[in-house]
Amino acid sequence: MEVLVCVVLILANALHSSATWCICKDGVNDAALQKTLDYACGAGADCNPIHQNGACYNPNTVRGHCNYAVNSYFQKKGQAQGSCDFSGTASATTSDPSSSGCVYPASASAANTTPSTNTTSGGSPYSTGAFGPSSTDVSRGGSMLQQGSSLFCFLITLLFSALLWG
């Protein structure tokens, strides 16, 4: 099993050529999207671009603002597993959601380019709620590799990457 996981990681690393973004799922109602938006902005996402007069303010919809906020959060968390779930309201995509004048960050370094202080009067319209980024609890039934196996697999993947791109 450990060898299979290592092979999958090596292949994923070798074949990985596109960026990943996080967006809100279609079919989710505006109230749930607003909770997701509030959580992401209050928990570290850079939401300045979706404030009025910001580069990503338009489209001025809950879905549009939610998309930008969850992606910013996802990138700031280093695309960590579970950081693009938001209790089932968001998911990862390899299709760039950027639009004219609004660039969605595709990495943690790009997500840190806008200062996170609020530039509008009256404070941020978004706040931290009890709506966490992930509904997944790996402590109950989740599959985890043993620590030694993970280190071995990481080292093999690192070695393979160095040979491939070195």
N, C-alpha and C. Protein backbone atom coordinates (compact mmCIF):
# COMPACT_ATOMS: atom_id res chain seq x y z
N MET A 1 0.83 -1.19 0.00
CA MET A 1 0.00 0.00 0.00
C MET A 1 0.87 1.25 0.00
N GLU A 2 1.92 1.24 0.81
CA GLU A 2 2.81 2.40 0.89
C GLU A 2 3.51 2.65 -0.44
N VAL A 3 3.91 1.59 -1.09
CA VAL A 3 4.57 1.71 -2.39
C VAL A 3 3.59 2.31 -3.41
N LEU A 4 2.35 1.86 -3.38
CA LEU A 4 1.34 2.39 -4.29
C LEU A 4 1.14 3.89 -4.07
N VAL A 5 1.08 4.31 -2.81
CA VAL A 5 0.93 5.73 -2.50
C VAL A 5 2.14 6.51 -3.01
N CYS A 6 3.33 5.97 -2.83
CA CYS A 6 4.54 6.63 -3.32
C CYS A 6 4.51 6.77 -4.84
N VAL A 7 4.11 5.72 -5.53
CA VAL A 7 4.03 5.76 -6.99
C VAL A 7 3.03 6.81 -7.43
N VAL A 8 1.88 6.85 -6.78
CA VAL A 8 0.86 7.85 -7.12
C VAL A 8 1.41 9.26 -6.89
N LEU A 9 2.08 9.48 -5.78
CA LEU A 9 2.66 10.80 -5.52
C LEU A 9 3.72 11.17 -6.55
N ILE A 10 4.54 10.23 -6.92
CA ILE A 10 5.57 10.49 -7.92
C ILE A 10 4.93 10.84 -9.26
N LEU A 11 3.93 10.06 -9.67
CA LEU A 11 3.25 10.35 -10.94
C LEU A 11 2.52 11.68 -10.89
N ALA A 12 1.88 11.96 -9.79
CA ALA A 12 1.17 13.23 -9.66
C ALA A 12 2.14 14.40 -9.74
N ASN A 13 3.29 14.24 -9.13
CA ASN A 13 4.31 15.29 -9.17
C ASN A 13 4.86 15.45 -10.58
N ALA A 14 5.09 14.36 -11.27
CA ALA A 14 5.64 14.41 -12.62
C ALA A 14 4.64 14.97 -13.62
N LEU A 15 3.37 14.66 -13.44
CA LEU A 15 2.35 15.09 -14.39
C LEU A 15 1.72 16.42 -14.04
N HIS A 16 2.02 16.95 -12.86
CA HIS A 16 1.42 18.21 -12.42
C HIS A 16 1.98 19.36 -13.24
N SER A 17 1.11 19.98 -14.03
CA SER A 17 1.58 21.08 -14.86
C SER A 17 0.65 22.27 -14.80
N SER A 18 -0.46 22.14 -14.09
CA SER A 18 -1.38 23.26 -14.04
C SER A 18 -1.60 23.72 -12.61
N ALA A 19 -2.01 24.96 -12.48
CA ALA A 19 -2.28 25.53 -11.17
C ALA A 19 -3.64 25.06 -10.66
N THR A 20 -3.89 25.30 -9.39
CA THR A 20 -5.16 24.94 -8.78
C THR A 20 -5.74 26.14 -8.07
N TRP A 21 -7.04 26.34 -8.26
CA TRP A 21 -7.76 27.41 -7.60
C TRP A 21 -8.92 26.80 -6.82
N CYS A 22 -9.52 27.58 -5.95
CA CYS A 22 -10.68 27.15 -5.18
C CYS A 22 -11.84 28.09 -5.52
N ILE A 23 -13.00 27.52 -5.83
CA ILE A 23 -14.18 28.34 -6.12
C ILE A 23 -15.39 27.76 -5.41
N CYS A 24 -16.42 28.57 -5.26
CA CYS A 24 -17.66 28.12 -4.64
C CYS A 24 -18.44 27.26 -5.62
N LYS A 25 -19.07 26.23 -5.10
CA LYS A 25 -19.80 25.28 -5.95
C LYS A 25 -21.08 25.89 -6.51
N ASP A 26 -21.43 25.47 -7.72
CA ASP A 26 -22.71 25.84 -8.32
C ASP A 26 -23.82 25.14 -7.54
N GLY A 27 -24.98 25.74 -7.50
CA GLY A 27 -26.12 25.12 -6.84
C GLY A 27 -26.21 25.39 -5.36
N VAL A 28 -25.25 26.10 -4.79
CA VAL A 28 -25.28 26.43 -3.36
C VAL A 28 -26.02 27.76 -3.22
N ASN A 29 -26.94 27.85 -2.25
CA ASN A 29 -27.73 29.07 -2.11
C ASN A 29 -26.89 30.23 -1.58
N ASP A 30 -27.37 31.45 -1.80
CA ASP A 30 -26.63 32.65 -1.43
C ASP A 30 -26.37 32.75 0.07
N ALA A 31 -27.28 32.27 0.90
CA ALA A 31 -27.07 32.33 2.35
C ALA A 31 -25.85 31.49 2.76
N ALA A 32 -25.73 30.30 2.20
CA ALA A 32 -24.57 29.44 2.51
C ALA A 32 -23.29 30.05 1.94
N LEU A 33 -23.37 30.63 0.74
CA LEU A 33 -22.20 31.28 0.14
C LEU A 33 -21.77 32.48 0.99
N GLN A 34 -22.73 33.22 1.53
CA GLN A 34 -22.40 34.37 2.37
C GLN A 34 -21.68 33.92 3.63
N LYS A 35 -22.12 32.81 4.24
CA LYS A 35 -21.43 32.27 5.41
C LYS A 35 -19.99 31.88 5.06
N THR A 36 -19.83 31.27 3.90
CA THR A 36 -18.50 30.88 3.43
C THR A 36 -17.63 32.11 3.21
N LEU A 37 -18.19 33.10 2.56
CA LEU A 37 -17.49 34.37 2.31
C LEU A 37 -17.08 35.01 3.63
N ASP A 38 -18.00 35.10 4.57
CA ASP A 38 -17.71 35.70 5.88
C ASP A 38 -16.58 34.96 6.59
N TYR A 39 -16.65 33.62 6.56
CA TYR A 39 -15.61 32.85 7.23
C TYR A 39 -14.24 33.09 6.58
N ALA A 40 -14.18 32.96 5.26
CA ALA A 40 -12.90 33.09 4.56
C ALA A 40 -12.27 34.46 4.81
N CYS A 41 -13.07 35.51 4.70
CA CYS A 41 -12.53 36.87 4.90
C CYS A 41 -12.10 37.10 6.34
N GLY A 42 -12.81 36.53 7.29
CA GLY A 42 -12.46 36.70 8.69
C GLY A 42 -11.33 35.81 9.15
N ALA A 43 -11.01 34.77 8.36
CA ALA A 43 -9.99 33.80 8.77
C ALA A 43 -8.69 33.93 8.00
N GLY A 44 -8.49 35.06 7.33
CA GLY A 44 -7.18 35.29 6.72
C GLY A 44 -7.15 35.53 5.23
N ALA A 45 -8.27 35.35 4.54
CA ALA A 45 -8.27 35.63 3.10
C ALA A 45 -8.09 37.13 2.89
N ASP A 46 -7.45 37.49 1.80
CA ASP A 46 -7.31 38.90 1.43
C ASP A 46 -8.56 39.29 0.66
N CYS A 47 -9.47 39.99 1.31
CA CYS A 47 -10.74 40.35 0.69
C CYS A 47 -10.77 41.80 0.21
N ASN A 48 -9.66 42.50 0.30
CA ASN A 48 -9.63 43.88 -0.19
C ASN A 48 -10.02 43.99 -1.66
N PRO A 49 -9.59 43.08 -2.55
CA PRO A 49 -9.97 43.22 -3.96
C PRO A 49 -11.47 43.10 -4.23
N ILE A 50 -12.24 42.55 -3.28
CA ILE A 50 -13.68 42.43 -3.51
C ILE A 50 -14.47 43.51 -2.79
N HIS A 51 -13.79 44.43 -2.14
CA HIS A 51 -14.47 45.58 -1.56
C HIS A 51 -14.79 46.56 -2.68
N GLN A 52 -15.74 47.46 -2.42
CA GLN A 52 -16.13 48.44 -3.43
C GLN A 52 -14.89 49.16 -3.95
N ASN A 53 -14.81 49.35 -5.26
CA ASN A 53 -13.68 49.94 -5.98
C ASN A 53 -12.46 49.03 -6.06
N GLY A 54 -12.56 47.80 -5.56
CA GLY A 54 -11.47 46.83 -5.68
C GLY A 54 -11.45 46.21 -7.06
N ALA A 55 -10.32 45.66 -7.44
CA ALA A 55 -10.14 45.08 -8.78
C ALA A 55 -11.10 43.92 -9.05
N CYS A 56 -11.56 43.24 -8.00
CA CYS A 56 -12.44 42.08 -8.18
C CYS A 56 -13.83 42.29 -7.59
N TYR A 57 -14.22 43.55 -7.40
CA TYR A 57 -15.54 43.87 -6.87
C TYR A 57 -16.65 43.39 -7.81
N ASN A 58 -16.41 43.54 -9.11
CA ASN A 58 -17.38 43.07 -10.11
C ASN A 58 -16.98 41.70 -10.61
N PRO A 59 -17.89 40.77 -10.74
CA PRO A 59 -19.32 40.99 -10.55
C PRO A 59 -19.65 41.13 -9.06
N ASN A 60 -20.50 42.09 -8.77
CA ASN A 60 -20.90 42.37 -7.39
C ASN A 60 -22.02 41.41 -7.00
N THR A 61 -21.64 40.14 -6.83
CA THR A 61 -22.58 39.10 -6.41
C THR A 61 -21.96 38.33 -5.27
N VAL A 62 -22.80 37.69 -4.48
CA VAL A 62 -22.30 36.86 -3.38
C VAL A 62 -21.40 35.77 -3.94
N ARG A 63 -21.80 35.13 -5.04
CA ARG A 63 -21.00 34.06 -5.65
C ARG A 63 -19.65 34.59 -6.13
N GLY A 64 -19.65 35.72 -6.80
CA GLY A 64 -18.40 36.29 -7.29
C GLY A 64 -17.43 36.62 -6.17
N HIS A 65 -17.94 37.22 -5.11
CA HIS A 65 -17.08 37.56 -3.96
C HIS A 65 -16.65 36.31 -3.22
N CYS A 66 -17.55 35.34 -3.12
CA CYS A 66 -17.23 34.07 -2.45
C CYS A 66 -16.09 33.37 -3.19
N ASN A 67 -16.17 33.33 -4.52
CA ASN A 67 -15.12 32.69 -5.31
C ASN A 67 -13.75 33.28 -5.01
N TYR A 68 -13.67 34.60 -4.99
CA TYR A 68 -12.38 35.24 -4.75
C TYR A 68 -11.90 34.95 -3.33
N ALA A 69 -12.80 35.06 -2.35
CA ALA A 69 -12.42 34.88 -0.95
C ALA A 69 -11.94 33.47 -0.65
N VAL A 70 -12.67 32.45 -1.12
CA VAL A 70 -12.25 31.08 -0.82
C VAL A 70 -10.93 30.75 -1.50
N ASN A 71 -10.72 31.30 -2.70
CA ASN A 71 -9.45 31.05 -3.37
C ASN A 71 -8.29 31.71 -2.62
N SER A 72 -8.49 32.94 -2.16
CA SER A 72 -7.44 33.61 -1.39
C SER A 72 -7.11 32.81 -0.14
N TYR A 73 -8.12 32.35 0.57
CA TYR A 73 -7.91 31.52 1.77
C TYR A 73 -7.14 30.25 1.43
N PHE A 74 -7.58 29.57 0.38
CA PHE A 74 -6.97 28.32 -0.08
C PHE A 74 -5.48 28.52 -0.41
N GLN A 75 -5.18 29.59 -1.11
CA GLN A 75 -3.79 29.86 -1.48
C GLN A 75 -2.97 30.23 -0.26
N LYS A 76 -3.52 31.04 0.65
CA LYS A 76 -2.78 31.44 1.85
C LYS A 76 -2.50 30.25 2.76
N LYS A 77 -3.33 29.24 2.68
CA LYS A 77 -3.12 28.01 3.46
C LYS A 77 -2.23 27.03 2.71
N GLY A 78 -1.63 27.47 1.61
CA GLY A 78 -0.72 26.61 0.85
C GLY A 78 -1.42 25.47 0.14
N GLN A 79 -2.68 25.65 -0.21
CA GLN A 79 -3.48 24.62 -0.87
C GLN A 79 -3.55 23.34 -0.03
N ALA A 80 -3.54 23.51 1.27
CA ALA A 80 -3.58 22.37 2.19
C ALA A 80 -4.87 21.57 2.03
N GLN A 81 -4.75 20.27 2.22
CA GLN A 81 -5.92 19.39 2.13
C GLN A 81 -7.00 19.88 3.09
N GLY A 82 -8.22 19.99 2.61
CA GLY A 82 -9.34 20.44 3.44
C GLY A 82 -9.54 21.94 3.46
N SER A 83 -8.59 22.71 2.91
CA SER A 83 -8.72 24.17 2.97
C SER A 83 -9.57 24.72 1.83
N CYS A 84 -10.11 23.86 0.97
CA CYS A 84 -11.03 24.28 -0.08
C CYS A 84 -12.30 23.44 -0.02
N ASP A 85 -12.84 23.28 1.16
CA ASP A 85 -14.07 22.51 1.30
C ASP A 85 -15.19 23.40 1.83
N PHE A 86 -14.90 24.13 2.90
CA PHE A 86 -15.87 25.04 3.50
C PHE A 86 -17.23 24.36 3.69
N SER A 87 -17.19 23.24 4.39
CA SER A 87 -18.40 22.45 4.67
C SER A 87 -19.19 22.11 3.42
N GLY A 88 -18.46 21.83 2.35
CA GLY A 88 -19.08 21.37 1.12
C GLY A 88 -19.53 22.46 0.17
N THR A 89 -19.23 23.72 0.46
CA THR A 89 -19.68 24.80 -0.42
C THR A 89 -18.67 25.20 -1.48
N ALA A 90 -17.44 24.67 -1.41
CA ALA A 90 -16.40 25.04 -2.37
C ALA A 90 -15.65 23.81 -2.83
N SER A 91 -14.96 23.93 -3.96
CA SER A 91 -14.15 22.83 -4.46
C SER A 91 -13.01 23.38 -5.31
N ALA A 92 -11.99 22.56 -5.48
CA ALA A 92 -10.82 22.94 -6.26
C ALA A 92 -11.08 22.77 -7.75
N THR A 93 -10.40 23.60 -8.55
CA THR A 93 -10.52 23.52 -10.00
C THR A 93 -9.16 23.84 -10.64
N THR A 94 -8.94 23.34 -11.84
CA THR A 94 -7.73 23.68 -12.58
C THR A 94 -8.04 24.71 -13.66
N SER A 95 -9.29 25.18 -13.72
CA SER A 95 -9.67 26.24 -14.66
C SER A 95 -9.51 27.58 -13.99
N ASP A 96 -8.70 28.44 -14.55
CA ASP A 96 -8.43 29.75 -13.98
C ASP A 96 -9.70 30.60 -13.97
N PRO A 97 -10.18 30.99 -12.77
CA PRO A 97 -11.40 31.80 -12.69
C PRO A 97 -11.16 33.30 -12.89
N SER A 98 -9.92 33.70 -13.14
CA SER A 98 -9.60 35.11 -13.33
C SER A 98 -10.40 35.70 -14.49
N SER A 99 -10.69 36.99 -14.38
CA SER A 99 -11.39 37.69 -15.45
C SER A 99 -10.65 39.00 -15.73
N SER A 100 -11.08 39.71 -16.71
CA SER A 100 -10.42 40.95 -17.09
C SER A 100 -10.31 41.89 -15.89
N GLY A 101 -9.09 42.22 -15.53
CA GLY A 101 -8.85 43.13 -14.42
C GLY A 101 -8.82 42.48 -13.06
N CYS A 102 -9.22 41.23 -12.95
CA CYS A 102 -9.26 40.53 -11.67
C CYS A 102 -8.47 39.23 -11.79
N VAL A 103 -7.32 39.20 -11.19
CA VAL A 103 -6.46 38.02 -11.25
C VAL A 103 -6.57 37.25 -9.93
N TYR A 104 -6.96 35.99 -10.04
CA TYR A 104 -7.04 35.13 -8.86
C TYR A 104 -5.65 34.54 -8.60
N PRO A 105 -5.14 34.66 -7.39
CA PRO A 105 -3.83 34.07 -7.10
C PRO A 105 -3.86 32.56 -7.27
N ALA A 106 -2.73 32.00 -7.73
CA ALA A 106 -2.63 30.56 -7.92
C ALA A 106 -1.57 29.95 -7.02
N SER A 107 -1.06 30.74 -6.07
CA SER A 107 -0.06 30.25 -5.13
C SER A 107 -0.11 31.09 -3.87
N ALA A 108 0.53 30.59 -2.81
CA ALA A 108 0.55 31.33 -1.55
C ALA A 108 1.27 32.67 -1.70
N SER A 109 2.36 32.69 -2.47
CA SER A 109 3.10 33.95 -2.63
C SER A 109 2.28 34.98 -3.39
N ALA A 110 1.52 34.56 -4.38
CA ALA A 110 0.67 35.49 -5.12
C ALA A 110 -0.50 35.95 -4.27
N ALA A 111 -0.94 35.13 -3.34
CA ALA A 111 -2.07 35.49 -2.48
C ALA A 111 -1.67 36.53 -1.44
N ASN A 112 -0.40 36.74 -1.22
CA ASN A 112 0.07 37.68 -0.21
C ASN A 112 0.46 39.03 -0.80
N THR A 113 0.03 39.34 -2.01
CA THR A 113 0.48 40.56 -2.66
C THR A 113 -0.32 41.79 -2.26
N THR A 114 -1.53 41.64 -1.76
CA THR A 114 -2.34 42.78 -1.36
C THR A 114 -2.34 42.88 0.15
N PRO A 115 -2.07 44.06 0.72
CA PRO A 115 -2.11 44.18 2.18
C PRO A 115 -3.48 43.76 2.70
N SER A 116 -3.50 43.10 3.84
CA SER A 116 -4.76 42.57 4.35
C SER A 116 -5.51 43.55 5.24
N THR A 117 -5.05 44.79 5.32
CA THR A 117 -5.78 45.77 6.11
C THR A 117 -6.95 46.29 5.31
N ASN A 118 -8.01 46.68 6.00
CA ASN A 118 -9.23 47.14 5.34
C ASN A 118 -9.05 48.57 4.87
N THR A 119 -9.40 48.84 3.61
CA THR A 119 -9.24 50.18 3.06
C THR A 119 -10.56 50.91 2.93
N THR A 120 -11.66 50.28 3.33
CA THR A 120 -12.95 50.96 3.25
C THR A 120 -13.32 51.51 4.61
N SER A 121 -14.14 52.54 4.62
CA SER A 121 -14.55 53.11 5.90
C SER A 121 -15.61 52.22 6.53
N GLY A 122 -15.63 52.19 7.85
CA GLY A 122 -16.64 51.43 8.55
C GLY A 122 -16.28 49.98 8.80
N GLY A 123 -15.09 49.55 8.46
CA GLY A 123 -14.67 48.19 8.73
C GLY A 123 -15.09 47.22 7.65
N SER A 124 -14.59 46.03 7.78
CA SER A 124 -14.87 45.00 6.78
C SER A 124 -16.31 44.53 6.87
N PRO A 125 -16.96 44.32 5.72
CA PRO A 125 -18.32 43.78 5.75
C PRO A 125 -18.34 42.29 6.01
N TYR A 126 -17.18 41.67 6.12
CA TYR A 126 -17.09 40.23 6.31
C TYR A 126 -16.51 39.94 7.68
N SER A 127 -17.02 38.91 8.32
CA SER A 127 -16.54 38.57 9.65
C SER A 127 -16.34 37.07 9.77
N THR A 128 -15.58 36.67 10.78
CA THR A 128 -15.36 35.24 11.02
C THR A 128 -16.61 34.64 11.65
N GLY A 129 -17.06 33.56 11.07
CA GLY A 129 -18.21 32.86 11.62
C GLY A 129 -17.80 31.49 12.09
N ALA A 130 -18.76 30.67 12.41
CA ALA A 130 -18.48 29.32 12.86
C ALA A 130 -18.51 28.35 11.69
N PHE A 131 -18.21 28.84 10.51
CA PHE A 131 -18.30 28.05 9.30
C PHE A 131 -16.89 27.72 8.87
N GLY A 132 -16.36 26.59 9.33
CA GLY A 132 -14.97 26.24 9.10
C GLY A 132 -14.66 25.84 7.68
N PRO A 133 -13.36 25.76 7.36
CA PRO A 133 -12.96 25.44 6.01
C PRO A 133 -13.20 24.00 5.61
N SER A 134 -13.31 23.09 6.54
CA SER A 134 -13.44 21.69 6.16
C SER A 134 -14.39 20.95 7.07
N SER A 135 -15.23 20.14 6.47
CA SER A 135 -16.10 19.28 7.25
C SER A 135 -15.50 17.90 7.41
N THR A 136 -14.28 17.72 6.93
CA THR A 136 -13.61 16.43 6.97
C THR A 136 -12.86 16.27 8.28
N ASP A 137 -13.12 15.22 9.00
CA ASP A 137 -12.42 14.93 10.25
C ASP A 137 -11.66 13.63 10.04
N VAL A 138 -10.35 13.74 9.80
CA VAL A 138 -9.57 12.53 9.52
C VAL A 138 -9.34 11.67 10.76
N SER A 139 -9.70 12.18 11.94
CA SER A 139 -9.51 11.37 13.14
C SER A 139 -10.57 10.28 13.24
N ARG A 140 -11.64 10.37 12.43
CA ARG A 140 -12.69 9.37 12.47
C ARG A 140 -12.79 8.67 11.12
N GLY A 141 -12.02 7.62 10.97
CA GLY A 141 -12.13 6.82 9.77
C GLY A 141 -11.26 7.28 8.62
N GLY A 142 -10.52 8.35 8.80
CA GLY A 142 -9.64 8.81 7.74
C GLY A 142 -8.45 7.88 7.60
N SER A 143 -7.91 7.79 6.41
CA SER A 143 -6.77 6.93 6.16
C SER A 143 -5.49 7.74 6.29
N MET A 144 -4.61 7.36 7.16
CA MET A 144 -3.36 8.07 7.36
C MET A 144 -2.19 7.09 7.22
N LEU A 145 -1.13 7.52 6.59
CA LEU A 145 0.08 6.71 6.53
C LEU A 145 0.85 6.86 7.82
N GLN A 146 1.62 5.88 8.16
CA GLN A 146 2.46 6.00 9.32
C GLN A 146 3.52 7.06 9.05
N GLN A 147 3.99 7.72 10.11
CA GLN A 147 4.91 8.84 9.96
C GLN A 147 6.17 8.43 9.20
N GLY A 148 6.74 7.30 9.47
CA GLY A 148 7.95 6.85 8.79
C GLY A 148 7.70 6.63 7.31
N SER A 149 6.55 6.08 6.97
CA SER A 149 6.19 5.84 5.57
C SER A 149 6.04 7.15 4.83
N SER A 150 5.45 8.14 5.47
CA SER A 150 5.26 9.43 4.84
C SER A 150 6.62 10.09 4.55
N LEU A 151 7.53 9.99 5.49
CA LEU A 151 8.85 10.57 5.29
C LEU A 151 9.57 9.86 4.14
N PHE A 152 9.50 8.55 4.10
CA PHE A 152 10.12 7.79 3.03
C PHE A 152 9.54 8.20 1.68
N CYS A 153 8.23 8.28 1.62
CA CYS A 153 7.55 8.63 0.37
C CYS A 153 7.92 10.05 -0.05
N PHE A 154 7.98 10.97 0.90
CA PHE A 154 8.38 12.34 0.61
C PHE A 154 9.79 12.38 0.03
N LEU A 155 10.70 11.65 0.63
CA LEU A 155 12.09 11.65 0.16
C LEU A 155 12.21 11.05 -1.24
N ILE A 156 11.47 10.00 -1.52
CA ILE A 156 11.46 9.39 -2.86
C ILE A 156 10.91 10.39 -3.87
N THR A 157 9.82 11.06 -3.51
CA THR A 157 9.22 12.06 -4.40
C THR A 157 10.18 13.21 -4.65
N LEU A 158 10.85 13.66 -3.62
CA LEU A 158 11.83 14.74 -3.74
C LEU A 158 12.99 14.31 -4.65
N LEU A 159 13.49 13.10 -4.48
CA LEU A 159 14.56 12.59 -5.30
C LEU A 159 14.12 12.51 -6.78
N PHE A 160 12.93 11.96 -6.99
CA PHE A 160 12.41 11.86 -8.35
C PHE A 160 12.25 13.23 -8.99
N SER A 161 11.75 14.19 -8.23
CA SER A 161 11.58 15.55 -8.74
C SER A 161 12.93 16.16 -9.13
N ALA A 162 13.93 15.95 -8.31
CA ALA A 162 15.27 16.49 -8.59
C ALA A 162 15.83 15.86 -9.86
N LEU A 163 15.62 14.57 -10.05
CA LEU A 163 16.11 13.91 -11.27
C LEU A 163 15.35 14.38 -12.49
N LEU A 164 14.05 14.60 -12.33
CA LEU A 164 13.21 14.99 -13.45
C LEU A 164 13.48 16.42 -13.91
N TRP A 165 13.60 17.32 -12.95
CA TRP A 165 13.76 18.75 -13.29
C TRP A 165 15.17 19.27 -13.04
N GLY A 166 16.05 18.44 -12.52
CA GLY A 166 17.40 18.86 -12.15
C GLY A 166 18.23 19.07 -13.33
